Amino acid sequence: MNTAWRGLRRVRSVVLRAELAVTGAQILFWAALIGVVAGLALRAWTRHRQSQAEPEAPVLAD
């Protein structure tokens, strides 16, 4: 009976480690996805701001 409990503990330990690994992978995936979306939005916003900026008219000497 004692060996059965050890086996169950070992199985629970393996399952817990697997769950933690999956959770960590999901966190990394979502962080990377959010980072990519934020980076693309920032790039688009920066380009939009640059296109809105009007260059100054050149000064012509008479």
C-alpha atoms as a PDB file:
ATOM      1  CA  MET A   1       0.000   0.000   0.000  1.00  0.00           C
ATOM      2  CA  ASN A   2       2.857   2.339   0.799  1.00  0.00           C
ATOM      3  CA  THR A   3       4.349   1.939  -2.662  1.00  0.00           C
ATOM      4  CA  ALA A   4       0.990   2.807  -4.209  1.00  0.00           C
ATOM      5  CA  TRP A   5       0.970   6.139  -2.354  1.00  0.00           C
ATOM      6  CA  ARG A   6       4.514   6.860  -3.530  1.00  0.00           C
ATOM      7  CA  GLY A   7       3.450   6.134  -7.077  1.00  0.00           C
ATOM      8  CA  LEU A   8       0.487   8.476  -6.778  1.00  0.00           C
ATOM      9  CA  ARG A   9       2.697  11.210  -5.336  1.00  0.00           C
ATOM     10  CA  ARG A  10       5.118  10.793  -8.202  1.00  0.00           C
ATOM     11  CA  VAL A  11       2.304  10.969 -10.754  1.00  0.00           C
ATOM     12  CA  ARG A  12       0.866  14.071  -9.093  1.00  0.00           C
ATOM     13  CA  SER A  13       4.313  15.651  -9.101  1.00  0.00           C
ATOM     14  CA  VAL A  14       4.767  14.973 -12.807  1.00  0.00           C
ATOM     15  CA  VAL A  15       1.298  16.313 -13.610  1.00  0.00           C
ATOM     16  CA  LEU A  16       1.944  19.464 -11.570  1.00  0.00           C
ATOM     17  CA  ARG A  17       5.230  20.085 -13.373  1.00  0.00           C
ATOM     18  CA  ALA A  18       3.519  19.603 -16.728  1.00  0.00           C
ATOM     19  CA  GLU A  19       0.766  22.044 -15.775  1.00  0.00           C
ATOM     20  CA  LEU A  20       3.333  24.612 -14.671  1.00  0.00           C
ATOM     21  CA  ALA A  21       5.251  24.180 -17.921  1.00  0.00           C
ATOM     22  CA  VAL A  22       2.090  24.673 -19.984  1.00  0.00           C
ATOM     23  CA  THR A  23       1.103  27.723 -17.939  1.00  0.00           C
ATOM     24  CA  GLY A  24       4.557  29.235 -18.383  1.00  0.00           C
ATOM     25  CA  ALA A  25       4.445  28.598 -22.121  1.00  0.00           C
ATOM     26  CA  GLN A  26       1.032  30.255 -22.352  1.00  0.00           C
ATOM     27  CA  ILE A  27       2.279  33.307 -20.453  1.00  0.00           C
ATOM     28  CA  LEU A  28       5.271  33.630 -22.771  1.00  0.00           C
ATOM     29  CA  PHE A  29       3.068  33.188 -25.851  1.00  0.00           C
ATOM     30  CA  TRP A  30       0.607  35.885 -24.821  1.00  0.00           C
ATOM     31  CA  ALA A  31       3.363  38.273 -23.741  1.00  0.00           C
ATOM     32  CA  ALA A  32       5.056  37.861 -27.120  1.00  0.00           C
ATOM     33  CA  LEU A  33       1.773  38.281 -28.987  1.00  0.00           C
ATOM     34  CA  ILE A  34       0.889  41.443 -27.070  1.00  0.00           C
ATOM     35  CA  GLY A  35       4.417  42.756 -27.653  1.00  0.00           C
ATOM     36  CA  VAL A  36       4.165  42.195 -31.404  1.00  0.00           C
ATOM     37  CA  VAL A  37       0.776  43.905 -31.602  1.00  0.00           C
ATOM     38  CA  ALA A  38       1.990  46.840 -29.489  1.00  0.00           C
ATOM     39  CA  GLY A  39       5.146  47.162 -31.594  1.00  0.00           C
ATOM     40  CA  LEU A  40       3.194  47.196 -34.846  1.00  0.00           C
ATOM     41  CA  ALA A  41       0.774  49.774 -33.457  1.00  0.00           C
ATOM     42  CA  LEU A  42       3.658  51.955 -32.278  1.00  0.00           C
ATOM     43  CA  ARG A  43       5.342  51.714 -35.677  1.00  0.00           C
ATOM     44  CA  ALA A  44       2.112  52.680 -37.469  1.00  0.00           C
ATOM     45  CA  TRP A  45       1.512  55.561 -35.065  1.00  0.00           C
ATOM     46  CA  THR A  46       5.071  56.854 -35.516  1.00  0.00           C
ATOM     47  CA  ARG A  47       4.769  56.715 -39.310  1.00  0.00           C
ATOM     48  CA  HIS A  48       1.422  58.486 -39.129  1.00  0.00           C
ATOM     49  CA  ARG A  49       2.915  61.256 -37.005  1.00  0.00           C
ATOM     50  CA  GLN A  50       5.844  61.667 -39.393  1.00  0.00           C
ATOM     51  CA  SER A  51       3.540  61.911 -42.398  1.00  0.00           C
ATOM     52  CA  GLN A  52       1.432  64.549 -40.637  1.00  0.00           C
ATOM     53  CA  ALA A  53       4.422  66.771 -39.903  1.00  0.00           C
ATOM     54  CA  GLU A  54       4.694  69.403 -42.604  1.00  0.00           C
ATOM     55  CA  PRO A  55       8.159  70.585 -43.539  1.00  0.00           C
ATOM     56  CA  GLU A  56       8.809  74.295 -43.203  1.00  0.00           C
ATOM     57  CA  ALA A  57       8.694  76.359 -46.353  1.00  0.00           C
ATOM     58  CA  PRO A  58      12.162  77.262 -47.618  1.00  0.00           C
ATOM     59  CA  VAL A  59      13.233  80.859 -47.181  1.00  0.00           C
ATOM     60  CA  LEU A  60      13.961  82.480 -50.513  1.00  0.00           C
ATOM     61  CA  ALA A  61      16.395  85.393 -50.620  1.00  0.00           C
ATOM     62  CA  ASP A  62      15.336  88.358 -52.734  1.00  0.00           C
END
